């Protein structure tokens, strides 16, 4: 049994947006990780792309990589104390 309290994911405010892997960026130096550039639908034009390390794990715990054109879900999640209520008009 773990000493850490288990956090309930549903208690955290979040938003999930669809995205598409635009391209895979090979590292300049061999010690750097490969990056996946993801275009997030619904984001402002100047802020639409993000780059992340192209290293994920499948359900078996094996390392896998994203492919160009892959459809993904990008979730932004925050602790409740890091948010403020929206005012209604």
PDB file of N, CA and C in Angstrom:
ATOM      1  N   UNK A   1       0.835  -1.177   0.000  1.00  0.00           N
ATOM      2  CA  UNK A   1       0.000   0.000   0.000  1.00  0.00           C
ATOM      3  C   UNK A   1       0.880   1.240   0.000  1.00  0.00           C
ATOM      4  N   UNK A   2       0.559   2.241  -0.796  1.00  0.00           N
ATOM      5  CA  UNK A   2       1.362   3.442  -0.943  1.00  0.00           C
ATOM      6  C   UNK A   2       1.026   4.464   0.131  1.00  0.00           C
ATOM      7  N   UNK A   3       2.046   5.223   0.564  1.00  0.00           N
ATOM      8  CA  UNK A   3       1.846   6.300   1.521  1.00  0.00           C
ATOM      9  C   UNK A   3       1.266   7.539   0.852  1.00  0.00           C
ATOM     10  N   UNK A   4       1.398   7.634  -0.473  1.00  0.00           N
ATOM     11  CA  UNK A   4       0.902   8.802  -1.189  1.00  0.00           C
ATOM     12  C   UNK A   4      -0.608   8.733  -1.324  1.00  0.00           C
ATOM     13  N   UNK A   5      -1.305   9.866  -1.087  1.00  0.00           N
ATOM     14  CA  UNK A   5      -2.752   9.855  -1.303  1.00  0.00           C
ATOM     15  C   UNK A   5      -3.055   9.736  -2.788  1.00  0.00           C
ATOM     16  N   UNK A   6      -4.057   8.966  -3.107  1.00  0.00           N
ATOM     17  CA  UNK A   6      -4.472   8.803  -4.493  1.00  0.00           C
ATOM     18  C   UNK A   6      -5.340   9.993  -4.890  1.00  0.00           C
ATOM     19  N   UNK A   7      -4.997  10.655  -5.998  1.00  0.00           N
ATOM     20  CA  UNK A   7      -5.814  11.768  -6.457  1.00  0.00           C
ATOM     21  C   UNK A   7      -6.855  11.242  -7.434  1.00  0.00           C
ATOM     22  N   UNK A   8      -8.033  11.772  -7.315  1.00  0.00           N
ATOM     23  CA  UNK A   8      -9.116  11.388  -8.215  1.00  0.00           C
ATOM     24  C   UNK A   8      -9.057  12.320  -9.416  1.00  0.00           C
ATOM     25  N   UNK A   9      -8.772  11.773 -10.595  1.00  0.00           N
ATOM     26  CA  UNK A   9      -8.624  12.573 -11.805  1.00  0.00           C
ATOM     27  C   UNK A   9      -9.867  13.407 -12.093  1.00  0.00           C
ATOM     28  N   UNK A  10     -11.044  12.933 -11.740  1.00  0.00           N
ATOM     29  CA  UNK A  10     -12.278  13.651 -12.047  1.00  0.00           C
ATOM     30  C   UNK A  10     -12.439  14.892 -11.189  1.00  0.00           C
ATOM     31  N   UNK A  11     -11.671  15.046 -10.109  1.00  0.00           N
ATOM     32  CA  UNK A  11     -11.761  16.213  -9.248  1.00  0.00           C
ATOM     33  C   UNK A  11     -11.011  17.415  -9.802  1.00  0.00           C
ATOM     34  N   UNK A  12     -10.181  17.204 -10.798  1.00  0.00           N
ATOM     35  CA  UNK A  12      -9.367  18.286 -11.337  1.00  0.00           C
ATOM     36  C   UNK A  12     -10.052  18.914 -12.551  1.00  0.00           C
ATOM     37  N   UNK A  13     -10.134  20.259 -12.593  1.00  0.00           N
ATOM     38  CA  UNK A  13     -10.659  20.905 -13.793  1.00  0.00           C
ATOM     39  C   UNK A  13      -9.760  20.576 -14.981  1.00  0.00           C
ATOM     40  N   UNK A  14     -10.379  20.288 -16.128  1.00  0.00           N
ATOM     41  CA  UNK A  14      -9.586  19.934 -17.309  1.00  0.00           C
ATOM     42  C   UNK A  14     -10.346  20.235 -18.583  1.00  0.00           C
ATOM     43  N   UNK A  15      -9.594  20.255 -19.667  1.00  0.00           N
ATOM     44  CA  UNK A  15     -10.170  20.355 -21.008  1.00  0.00           C
ATOM     45  C   UNK A  15      -9.340  19.435 -21.904  1.00  0.00           C
ATOM     46  N   UNK A  16     -10.006  18.731 -22.807  1.00  0.00           N
ATOM     47  CA  UNK A  16      -9.326  17.850 -23.757  1.00  0.00           C
ATOM     48  C   UNK A  16      -9.661  18.321 -25.165  1.00  0.00           C
ATOM     49  N   UNK A  17      -8.621  18.535 -25.960  1.00  0.00           N
ATOM     50  CA  UNK A  17      -8.788  19.013 -27.334  1.00  0.00           C
ATOM     51  C   UNK A  17      -8.182  18.016 -28.306  1.00  0.00           C
ATOM     52  N   UNK A  18      -8.791  17.871 -29.478  1.00  0.00           N
ATOM     53  CA  UNK A  18      -8.206  16.976 -30.483  1.00  0.00           C
ATOM     54  C   UNK A  18      -6.981  17.617 -31.125  1.00  0.00           C
ATOM     55  N   UNK A  19      -6.061  16.772 -31.550  1.00  0.00           N
ATOM     56  CA  UNK A  19      -4.864  17.249 -32.220  1.00  0.00           C
ATOM     57  C   UNK A  19      -4.395  16.246 -33.253  1.00  0.00           C
ATOM     58  N   UNK A  20      -3.468  16.693 -34.091  1.00  0.00           N
ATOM     59  CA  UNK A  20      -2.890  15.847 -35.130  1.00  0.00           C
ATOM     60  C   UNK A  20      -1.380  16.007 -35.105  1.00  0.00           C
ATOM     61  N   UNK A  21      -0.677  14.883 -35.155  1.00  0.00           N
ATOM     62  CA  UNK A  21       0.784  14.930 -35.223  1.00  0.00           C
ATOM     63  C   UNK A  21       1.149  15.419 -36.626  1.00  0.00           C
ATOM     64  N   UNK A  22       1.745  16.609 -36.684  1.00  0.00           N
ATOM     65  CA  UNK A  22       2.117  17.191 -37.971  1.00  0.00           C
ATOM     66  C   UNK A  22       3.409  16.609 -38.515  1.00  0.00           C
ATOM     67  N   UNK A  23       4.409  16.497 -37.639  1.00  0.00           N
ATOM     68  CA  UNK A  23       5.692  15.968 -38.090  1.00  0.00           C
ATOM     69  C   UNK A  23       6.493  15.463 -36.906  1.00  0.00           C
ATOM     70  N   UNK A  24       7.476  14.638 -37.235  1.00  0.00           N
ATOM     71  CA  UNK A  24       8.422  14.126 -36.251  1.00  0.00           C
ATOM     72  C   UNK A  24       9.745  14.843 -36.505  1.00  0.00           C
ATOM     73  N   UNK A  25      10.320  15.399 -35.451  1.00  0.00           N
ATOM     74  CA  UNK A  25      11.548  16.180 -35.575  1.00  0.00           C
ATOM     75  C   UNK A  25      12.707  15.374 -35.000  1.00  0.00           C
ATOM     76  N   UNK A  26      13.637  15.044 -35.871  1.00  0.00           N
ATOM     77  CA  UNK A  26      14.821  14.279 -35.458  1.00  0.00           C
ATOM     78  C   UNK A  26      15.734  15.185 -34.638  1.00  0.00           C
ATOM     79  N   UNK A  27      16.401  14.643 -33.630  1.00  0.00           N
ATOM     80  CA  UNK A  27      17.275  15.472 -32.793  1.00  0.00           C
ATOM     81  C   UNK A  27      18.523  15.929 -33.554  1.00  0.00           C
ATOM     82  N   UNK A  28      19.010  17.119 -33.190  1.00  0.00           N
ATOM     83  CA  UNK A  28      20.244  17.644 -33.777  1.00  0.00           C
ATOM     84  C   UNK A  28      21.434  16.898 -33.194  1.00  0.00           C
ATOM     85  N   UNK A  29      21.383  16.674 -31.881  1.00  0.00           N
ATOM     86  CA  UNK A  29      22.444  15.945 -31.192  1.00  0.00           C
ATOM     87  C   UNK A  29      21.926  14.564 -30.797  1.00  0.00           C
ATOM     88  N   UNK A  30      22.774  13.550 -30.818  1.00  0.00           N
ATOM     89  CA  UNK A  30      22.321  12.185 -30.526  1.00  0.00           C
ATOM     90  C   UNK A  30      21.758  11.998 -29.110  1.00  0.00           C
ATOM     91  N   UNK A  31      22.170  12.846 -28.167  1.00  0.00           N
ATOM     92  CA  UNK A  31      21.680  12.722 -26.791  1.00  0.00           C
ATOM     93  C   UNK A  31      20.301  13.342 -26.586  1.00  0.00           C
ATOM     94  N   UNK A  32      19.823  14.119 -27.546  1.00  0.00           N
ATOM     95  CA  UNK A  32      18.524  14.780 -27.429  1.00  0.00           C
ATOM     96  C   UNK A  32      17.416  13.844 -27.905  1.00  0.00           C
ATOM     97  N   UNK A  33      16.204  13.987 -27.344  1.00  0.00           N
ATOM     98  CA  UNK A  33      15.096  13.125 -27.770  1.00  0.00           C
ATOM     99  C   UNK A  33      14.455  13.599 -29.070  1.00  0.00           C
ATOM    100  N   UNK A  34      13.870  12.662 -29.790  1.00  0.00           N
ATOM    101  CA  UNK A  34      13.056  12.978 -30.957  1.00  0.00           C
ATOM    102  C   UNK A  34      11.804  13.697 -30.454  1.00  0.00           C
ATOM    103  N   UNK A  35      11.283  14.655 -31.227  1.00  0.00           N
ATOM    104  CA  UNK A  35      10.099  15.421 -30.837  1.00  0.00           C
ATOM    105  C   UNK A  35       8.954  15.160 -31.806  1.00  0.00           C
ATOM    106  N   UNK A  36       7.744  15.203 -31.277  1.00  0.00           N
ATOM    107  CA  UNK A  36       6.540  15.141 -32.102  1.00  0.00           C
ATOM    108  C   UNK A  36       5.898  16.520 -32.057  1.00  0.00           C
ATOM    109  N   UNK A  37       5.646  17.106 -33.232  1.00  0.00           N
ATOM    110  CA  UNK A  37       4.960  18.395 -33.306  1.00  0.00           C
ATOM    111  C   UNK A  37       3.482  18.123 -33.506  1.00  0.00           C
ATOM    112  N   UNK A  38       2.661  18.642 -32.590  1.00  0.00           N
ATOM    113  CA  UNK A  38       1.223  18.380 -32.590  1.00  0.00           C
ATOM    114  C   UNK A  38       0.467  19.685 -32.801  1.00  0.00           C
ATOM    115  N   UNK A  39      -0.443  19.701 -33.774  1.00  0.00           N
ATOM    116  CA  UNK A  39      -1.328  20.841 -34.006  1.00  0.00           C
ATOM    117  C   UNK A  39      -2.607  20.596 -33.210  1.00  0.00           C
ATOM    118  N   UNK A  40      -2.950  21.544 -32.333  1.00  0.00           N
ATOM    119  CA  UNK A  40      -4.119  21.398 -31.476  1.00  0.00           C
ATOM    120  C   UNK A  40      -5.293  22.151 -32.088  1.00  0.00           C
ATOM    121  N   UNK A  41      -6.363  21.439 -32.360  1.00  0.00           N
ATOM    122  CA  UNK A  41      -7.565  22.055 -32.921  1.00  0.00           C
ATOM    123  C   UNK A  41      -8.227  22.914 -31.855  1.00  0.00           C
ATOM    124  N   UNK A  42      -8.680  24.109 -32.264  1.00  0.00           N
ATOM    125  CA  UNK A  42      -9.354  24.997 -31.334  1.00  0.00           C
ATOM    126  C   UNK A  42      -8.429  25.977 -30.640  1.00  0.00           C
ATOM    127  N   UNK A  43      -7.121  25.862 -30.840  1.00  0.00           N
ATOM    128  CA  UNK A  43      -6.170  26.800 -30.242  1.00  0.00           C
ATOM    129  C   UNK A  43      -5.991  27.996 -31.181  1.00  0.00           C
ATOM    130  N   UNK A  44      -5.557  29.126 -30.631  1.00  0.00           N
ATOM    131  CA  UNK A  44      -5.269  30.298 -31.456  1.00  0.00           C
ATOM    132  C   UNK A  44      -4.176  29.958 -32.472  1.00  0.00           C
ATOM    133  N   UNK A  45      -4.266  30.583 -33.643  1.00  0.00           N
ATOM    134  CA  UNK A  45      -3.338  30.276 -34.735  1.00  0.00           C
ATOM    135  C   UNK A  45      -1.872  30.339 -34.336  1.00  0.00           C
ATOM    136  N   UNK A  46      -1.465  31.367 -33.617  1.00  0.00           N
ATOM    137  CA  UNK A  46      -0.051  31.522 -33.262  1.00  0.00           C
ATOM    138  C   UNK A  46       0.413  30.538 -32.203  1.00  0.00           C
ATOM    139  N   UNK A  47      -0.521  29.862 -31.552  1.00  0.00           N
ATOM    140  CA  UNK A  47      -0.178  28.963 -30.447  1.00  0.00           C
ATOM    141  C   UNK A  47      -0.682  27.544 -30.671  1.00  0.00           C
ATOM    142  N   UNK A  48      -0.940  27.218 -31.903  1.00  0.00           N
ATOM    143  CA  UNK A  48      -1.572  25.943 -32.241  1.00  0.00           C
ATOM    144  C   UNK A  48      -0.651  24.740 -32.075  1.00  0.00           C
ATOM    145  N   UNK A  49       0.646  24.893 -32.327  1.00  0.00           N
ATOM    146  CA  UNK A  49       1.554  23.746 -32.287  1.00  0.00           C
ATOM    147  C   UNK A  49       2.283  23.651 -30.948  1.00  0.00           C
ATOM    148  N   UNK A  50       2.401  22.408 -30.493  1.00  0.00           N
ATOM    149  CA  UNK A  50       3.256  22.119 -29.347  1.00  0.00           C
ATOM    150  C   UNK A  50       4.217  21.018 -29.770  1.00  0.00           C
ATOM    151  N   UNK A  51       5.337  20.927 -29.073  1.00  0.00           N
ATOM    152  CA  UNK A  51       6.308  19.860 -29.330  1.00  0.00           C
ATOM    153  C   UNK A  51       6.564  19.125 -28.032  1.00  0.00           C
ATOM    154  N   UNK A  52       6.498  17.819 -28.115  1.00  0.00           N
ATOM    155  CA  UNK A  52       6.724  16.973 -26.951  1.00  0.00           C
ATOM    156  C   UNK A  52       7.729  15.887 -27.312  1.00  0.00           C
ATOM    157  N   UNK A  53       8.364  15.309 -26.296  1.00  0.00           N
ATOM    158  CA  UNK A  53       9.214  14.153 -26.556  1.00  0.00           C
ATOM    159  C   UNK A  53       8.352  13.068 -27.177  1.00  0.00           C
ATOM    160  N   UNK A  54       8.849  12.445 -28.218  1.00  0.00           N
ATOM    161  CA  UNK A  54       8.090  11.409 -28.922  1.00  0.00           C
ATOM    162  C   UNK A  54       8.349  10.058 -28.269  1.00  0.00           C
ATOM    163  N   UNK A  55       7.936   9.949 -27.017  1.00  0.00           N
ATOM    164  CA  UNK A  55       8.117   8.704 -26.277  1.00  0.00           C
ATOM    165  C   UNK A  55       6.888   8.503 -25.391  1.00  0.00           C
ATOM    166  N   UNK A  56       6.120   7.499 -25.725  1.00  0.00           N
ATOM    167  CA  UNK A  56       4.933   7.145 -24.961  1.00  0.00           C
ATOM    168  C   UNK A  56       5.069   5.690 -24.540  1.00  0.00           C
ATOM    169  N   UNK A  57       4.148   5.247 -23.704  1.00  0.00           N
ATOM    170  CA  UNK A  57       4.126   3.834 -23.329  1.00  0.00           C
ATOM    171  C   UNK A  57       2.752   3.263 -23.643  1.00  0.00           C
ATOM    172  N   UNK A  58       2.748   2.042 -24.187  1.00  0.00           N
ATOM    173  CA  UNK A  58       1.486   1.374 -24.466  1.00  0.00           C
ATOM    174  C   UNK A  58       0.978   0.681 -23.205  1.00  0.00           C
ATOM    175  N   UNK A  59      -0.129  -0.027 -23.323  1.00  0.00           N
ATOM    176  CA  UNK A  59      -0.760  -0.675 -22.161  1.00  0.00           C
ATOM    177  C   UNK A  59       0.121  -1.756 -21.532  1.00  0.00           C
ATOM    178  N   UNK A  60       1.112  -2.246 -22.287  1.00  0.00           N
ATOM    179  CA  UNK A  60       2.030  -3.264 -21.767  1.00  0.00           C
ATOM    180  C   UNK A  60       3.275  -2.640 -21.131  1.00  0.00           C
ATOM    181  N   UNK A  61       3.357  -1.295 -21.143  1.00  0.00           N
ATOM    182  CA  UNK A  61       4.519  -0.615 -20.590  1.00  0.00           C
ATOM    183  C   UNK A  61       5.688  -0.514 -21.551  1.00  0.00           C
ATOM    184  N   UNK A  62       5.463  -0.863 -22.804  1.00  0.00           N
ATOM    185  CA  UNK A  62       6.519  -0.809 -23.826  1.00  0.00           C
ATOM    186  C   UNK A  62       6.601   0.606 -24.402  1.00  0.00           C
ATOM    187  N   UNK A  63       7.808   1.066 -24.704  1.00  0.00           N
ATOM    188  CA  UNK A  63       7.993   2.370 -25.327  1.00  0.00           C
ATOM    189  C   UNK A  63       7.499   2.335 -26.768  1.00  0.00           C
ATOM    190  N   UNK A  64       6.754   3.366 -27.156  1.00  0.00           N
ATOM    191  CA  UNK A  64       6.250   3.521 -28.515  1.00  0.00           C
ATOM    192  C   UNK A  64       6.413   4.978 -28.930  1.00  0.00           C
ATOM    193  N   UNK A  65       6.296   5.247 -30.232  1.00  0.00           N
ATOM    194  CA  UNK A  65       6.423   6.604 -30.770  1.00  0.00           C
ATOM    195  C   UNK A  65       5.204   6.933 -31.615  1.00  0.00           C
ATOM    196  N   UNK A  66       4.883   8.217 -31.676  1.00  0.00           N
ATOM    197  CA  UNK A  66       3.801   8.685 -32.535  1.00  0.00           C
ATOM    198  C   UNK A  66       4.264   8.731 -33.982  1.00  0.00           C
ATOM    199  N   UNK A  67       3.313   8.589 -34.904  1.00  0.00           N
ATOM    200  CA  UNK A  67       3.594   8.685 -36.336  1.00  0.00           C
ATOM    201  C   UNK A  67       2.985   9.974 -36.868  1.00  0.00           C
ATOM    202  N   UNK A  68       3.565  10.550 -37.930  1.00  0.00           N
ATOM    203  CA  UNK A  68       2.940  11.719 -38.551  1.00  0.00           C
ATOM    204  C   UNK A  68       1.515  11.386 -38.988  1.00  0.00           C
ATOM    205  N   UNK A  69       0.611  12.327 -38.752  1.00  0.00           N
ATOM    206  CA  UNK A  69      -0.791  12.136 -39.121  1.00  0.00           C
ATOM    207  C   UNK A  69      -1.622  11.485 -38.035  1.00  0.00           C
ATOM    208  N   UNK A  70      -1.001  11.026 -36.957  1.00  0.00           N
ATOM    209  CA  UNK A  70      -1.750  10.372 -35.878  1.00  0.00           C
ATOM    210  C   UNK A  70      -2.708  11.358 -35.223  1.00  0.00           C
ATOM    211  N   UNK A  71      -3.911  10.893 -34.951  1.00  0.00           N
ATOM    212  CA  UNK A  71      -4.905  11.690 -34.231  1.00  0.00           C
ATOM    213  C   UNK A  71      -4.675  11.468 -32.738  1.00  0.00           C
ATOM    214  N   UNK A  72      -4.573  12.559 -31.967  1.00  0.00           N
ATOM    215  CA  UNK A  72      -4.302  12.466 -30.539  1.00  0.00           C
ATOM    216  C   UNK A  72      -5.284  13.339 -29.770  1.00  0.00           C
ATOM    217  N   UNK A  73      -5.327  13.156 -28.470  1.00  0.00           N
ATOM    218  CA  UNK A  73      -6.113  13.982 -27.563  1.00  0.00           C
ATOM    219  C   UNK A  73      -5.122  14.667 -26.629  1.00  0.00           C
ATOM    220  N   UNK A  74      -5.215  15.989 -26.511  1.00  0.00           N
ATOM    221  CA  UNK A  74      -4.338  16.762 -25.634  1.00  0.00           C
ATOM    222  C   UNK A  74      -5.182  17.252 -24.461  1.00  0.00           C
ATOM    223  N   UNK A  75      -4.802  16.857 -23.250  1.00  0.00           N
ATOM    224  CA  UNK A  75      -5.552  17.231 -22.058  1.00  0.00           C
ATOM    225  C   UNK A  75      -4.736  18.192 -21.211  1.00  0.00           C
ATOM    226  N   UNK A  76      -5.385  19.295 -20.824  1.00  0.00           N
ATOM    227  CA  UNK A  76      -4.800  20.248 -19.891  1.00  0.00           C
ATOM    228  C   UNK A  76      -5.573  20.076 -18.594  1.00  0.00           C
ATOM    229  N   UNK A  77      -4.840  19.850 -17.508  1.00  0.00           N
ATOM    230  CA  UNK A  77      -5.460  19.557 -16.225  1.00  0.00           C
ATOM    231  C   UNK A  77      -4.803  20.435 -15.166  1.00  0.00           C
ATOM    232  N   UNK A  78      -5.594  20.921 -14.203  1.00  0.00           N
ATOM    233  CA  UNK A  78      -5.063  21.784 -13.150  1.00  0.00           C
ATOM    234  C   UNK A  78      -5.603  21.361 -11.800  1.00  0.00           C
ATOM    235  N   UNK A  79      -4.854  21.674 -10.779  1.00  0.00           N
ATOM    236  CA  UNK A  79      -5.342  21.476  -9.418  1.00  0.00           C
ATOM    237  C   UNK A  79      -6.470  22.481  -9.179  1.00  0.00           C
ATOM    238  N   UNK A  80      -7.514  22.099  -8.448  1.00  0.00           N
ATOM    239  CA  UNK A  80      -8.615  23.029  -8.195  1.00  0.00           C
ATOM    240  C   UNK A  80      -8.164  24.370  -7.613  1.00  0.00           C
ATOM    241  N   UNK A  81      -7.162  24.372  -6.744  1.00  0.00           N
ATOM    242  CA  UNK A  81      -6.695  25.616  -6.127  1.00  0.00           C
ATOM    243  C   UNK A  81      -5.952  26.513  -7.132  1.00  0.00           C
ATOM    244  N   UNK A  82      -5.633  26.001  -8.314  1.00  0.00           N
ATOM    245  CA  UNK A  82      -4.939  26.790  -9.338  1.00  0.00           C
ATOM    246  C   UNK A  82      -5.915  27.415 -10.317  1.00  0.00           C
ATOM    247  N   UNK A  83      -7.218  27.343 -10.036  1.00  0.00           N
ATOM    248  CA  UNK A  83      -8.229  27.892 -10.941  1.00  0.00           C
ATOM    249  C   UNK A  83      -9.106  28.884 -10.189  1.00  0.00           C
ATOM    250  N   UNK A  84      -9.809  29.724 -10.954  1.00  0.00           N
ATOM    251  CA  UNK A  84     -10.766  30.657 -10.371  1.00  0.00           C
ATOM    252  C   UNK A  84     -12.092  30.474 -11.076  1.00  0.00           C
ATOM    253  N   UNK A  85     -13.200  30.706 -10.363  1.00  0.00           N
ATOM    254  CA  UNK A  85     -14.515  30.576 -11.010  1.00  0.00           C
ATOM    255  C   UNK A  85     -14.701  31.649 -12.073  1.00  0.00           C
ATOM    256  N   UNK A  86     -15.373  31.279 -13.151  1.00  0.00           N
ATOM    257  CA  UNK A  86     -15.692  32.258 -14.211  1.00  0.00           C
ATOM    258  C   UNK A  86     -16.892  33.052 -13.767  1.00  0.00           C
ATOM    259  N   UNK A  87     -16.837  34.345 -14.024  1.00  0.00           N
ATOM    260  CA  UNK A  87     -17.971  35.211 -13.693  1.00  0.00           C
ATOM    261  C   UNK A  87     -19.005  35.120 -14.803  1.00  0.00           C
ATOM    262  N   UNK A  88     -20.263  35.030 -14.435  1.00  0.00           N
ATOM    263  CA  UNK A  88     -21.325  34.989 -15.436  1.00  0.00           C
ATOM    264  C   UNK A  88     -21.842  36.394 -15.669  1.00  0.00           C
ATOM    265  N   UNK A  89     -22.225  36.684 -16.901  1.00  0.00           N
ATOM    266  CA  UNK A  89     -22.672  38.034 -17.255  1.00  0.00           C
ATOM    267  C   UNK A  89     -24.099  38.277 -16.858  1.00  0.00           C
TER     268      UNK A  89
END
